[in-house]
Amino acid sequence: MTPVQANTDGTPMVNKLLQLNDLTYMRSEAKLAMPDTVNVQRMAQTADGQGGFTTEWSNVYQNIPARLTATGSAESLTAGRINLQPDFMLTVASDQSIEETDRVVHVSGTYEVQSVDDGKSWQLTTRCQM
């Protein structure tokens, strides 16, 4: 029988595959594969004094290392014309805060966040469908 390995505090190791220092190193290396920078914007609604509101976008995070990748496109037919809607995937650091209601400003344009894929075990990055 193989003895159970212990952490430095004496508690048994739950995971022998990846330790925190391994994950930290892999996350820092993943950031090196992010050649772009983006600004993350969040919407705020303020009263206009006449019973309505105005919508404003403001930067909540600026110059975030990221990678924006085209992942394909979707076609639709509107009024007899074919419309192409390109799909993009945004990759940011695993600890970067980003929400499905945010939008991202990249040198190539402004993109609405459609979904955020986070909260996984051993997550190296956060990926967002744009």
Protein backbone atom coordinates (compact mmCIF):
# COMPACT_ATOMS: atom_id res chain seq x y z
CA MET A 1 0.00 0.00 0.00
CA THR A 2 1.28 3.48 -0.93
CA PRO A 3 1.45 5.94 1.95
CA VAL A 4 -0.81 9.02 1.68
CA GLN A 5 1.17 12.15 0.89
CA ALA A 6 0.61 15.11 3.17
CA ASN A 7 0.61 18.86 2.67
CA THR A 8 3.10 20.95 4.61
CA ASP A 9 0.49 21.45 7.36
CA GLY A 10 0.09 17.67 7.75
CA THR A 11 -3.35 17.38 6.12
CA PRO A 12 -3.68 14.67 3.47
CA MET A 13 -3.22 15.76 -0.15
CA VAL A 14 -6.55 15.61 -1.89
CA ASN A 15 -5.10 16.13 -5.35
CA LYS A 16 -1.75 14.76 -6.43
CA LEU A 17 -2.09 15.96 -10.05
CA LEU A 18 -1.95 19.73 -9.67
CA GLN A 19 -0.86 21.74 -6.70
CA LEU A 20 -1.58 25.44 -6.20
CA ASN A 21 1.92 26.47 -7.33
CA ASP A 22 1.45 24.43 -10.55
CA LEU A 23 -1.86 26.13 -11.26
CA THR A 24 -0.41 29.57 -10.48
CA TYR A 25 2.45 28.95 -12.91
CA MET A 26 0.10 27.70 -15.65
CA ARG A 27 -2.16 30.74 -15.22
CA SER A 28 0.80 33.11 -15.53
CA GLU A 29 1.91 31.30 -18.70
CA ALA A 30 -1.62 31.51 -20.14
CA LYS A 31 -1.50 35.31 -19.78
CA LEU A 32 1.54 35.34 -22.10
CA ALA A 33 -0.69 33.89 -24.85
CA MET A 34 -2.97 36.94 -24.76
CA PRO A 35 -1.65 39.37 -27.39
CA ASP A 36 -4.57 41.82 -27.26
CA THR A 37 -5.84 44.32 -24.71
CA VAL A 38 -9.48 45.19 -24.10
CA ASN A 39 -11.56 47.49 -21.95
CA VAL A 40 -14.49 45.95 -20.12
CA GLN A 41 -17.51 48.25 -19.94
CA ARG A 42 -20.51 48.02 -17.67
CA MET A 43 -23.90 49.64 -18.20
CA ALA A 44 -25.39 52.11 -15.77
CA GLN A 45 -28.86 53.60 -15.98
CA THR A 46 -29.51 57.02 -14.50
CA ALA A 47 -32.81 58.84 -14.11
CA ASP A 48 -33.38 61.55 -16.70
CA GLY A 49 -35.71 63.58 -14.47
CA GLN A 50 -38.75 62.96 -16.68
CA GLY A 51 -39.70 59.48 -15.54
CA GLY A 52 -37.29 57.69 -17.85
CA PHE A 53 -33.63 56.91 -17.78
CA THR A 54 -30.50 57.20 -19.86
CA THR A 55 -28.08 54.38 -20.44
CA GLU A 56 -24.36 54.99 -20.17
CA TRP A 57 -21.43 52.63 -20.55
CA SER A 58 -18.30 53.16 -18.50
CA ASN A 59 -14.99 51.34 -18.33
CA VAL A 60 -14.76 49.17 -15.23
CA TYR A 61 -11.48 47.52 -16.29
CA GLN A 62 -8.97 48.97 -18.74
CA ASN A 63 -6.11 47.49 -20.75
CA ILE A 64 -6.93 43.91 -19.78
CA PRO A 65 -4.71 41.29 -21.45
CA ALA A 66 -6.94 39.19 -23.70
CA ARG A 67 -7.21 37.15 -26.87
CA LEU A 68 -10.12 37.71 -29.26
CA THR A 69 -10.65 34.90 -31.75
CA ALA A 70 -13.16 34.53 -34.58
CA THR A 71 -14.93 31.20 -34.13
CA GLY A 72 -17.23 31.20 -37.16
CA SER A 73 -20.42 32.93 -38.15
CA ALA A 74 -24.17 32.51 -38.15
CA GLU A 75 -26.35 33.20 -41.16
CA SER A 76 -29.85 34.61 -41.15
CA LEU A 77 -32.25 35.69 -43.85
CA THR A 78 -33.88 39.09 -43.39
CA ALA A 79 -36.02 40.78 -46.05
CA GLY A 80 -34.59 38.48 -48.69
CA ARG A 81 -30.98 39.25 -47.78
CA ILE A 82 -28.47 36.91 -46.19
CA ASN A 83 -26.91 38.42 -43.09
CA LEU A 84 -23.69 37.06 -41.62
CA GLN A 85 -23.14 37.52 -37.91
CA PRO A 86 -19.57 36.61 -36.95
CA ASP A 87 -19.01 34.79 -33.66
CA PHE A 88 -16.05 35.57 -31.42
CA MET A 89 -14.49 34.04 -28.32
CA LEU A 90 -12.76 36.29 -25.80
CA THR A 91 -10.18 34.76 -23.46
CA VAL A 92 -9.08 36.62 -20.33
CA ALA A 93 -7.31 35.67 -17.11
CA SER A 94 -9.15 33.31 -14.78
CA ASP A 95 -9.43 35.96 -12.05
CA GLN A 96 -10.76 38.67 -14.37
CA SER A 97 -14.26 39.85 -13.47
CA ILE A 98 -16.58 39.91 -16.48
CA GLU A 99 -20.36 39.58 -16.63
CA GLU A 100 -22.89 38.58 -19.28
CA THR A 101 -24.28 42.12 -19.25
CA ASP A 102 -20.88 43.69 -20.03
CA ARG A 103 -19.44 44.70 -23.33
CA VAL A 104 -15.82 44.71 -24.44
CA VAL A 105 -14.01 47.34 -26.47
CA HIS A 106 -11.23 45.92 -28.66
CA VAL A 107 -9.21 47.73 -31.32
CA SER A 108 -11.37 45.97 -33.95
CA GLY A 109 -14.74 47.02 -32.45
CA THR A 110 -17.17 46.76 -29.56
CA TYR A 111 -18.52 43.32 -28.66
CA GLU A 112 -21.44 42.33 -26.43
CA VAL A 113 -20.76 39.49 -23.97
CA GLN A 114 -23.24 36.67 -24.65
CA SER A 115 -22.06 34.14 -22.09
CA VAL A 116 -19.22 33.61 -19.61
CA ASP A 117 -17.69 30.17 -19.14
CA ASP A 118 -16.12 30.18 -15.69
CA GLY A 119 -16.22 28.42 -12.34
CA LYS A 120 -14.50 25.22 -13.38
CA SER A 121 -11.93 23.18 -11.51
CA TRP A 122 -8.35 24.09 -12.37
CA GLN A 123 -9.54 26.97 -14.53
CA LEU A 124 -6.62 28.63 -16.35
CA THR A 125 -8.63 31.27 -18.21
CA THR A 126 -12.14 32.67 -18.47
CA ARG A 127 -13.73 32.43 -21.90
CA CYS A 128 -16.62 34.55 -23.13
CA GLN A 129 -18.82 34.03 -26.16
CA MET A 130 -19.21 37.36 -27.90
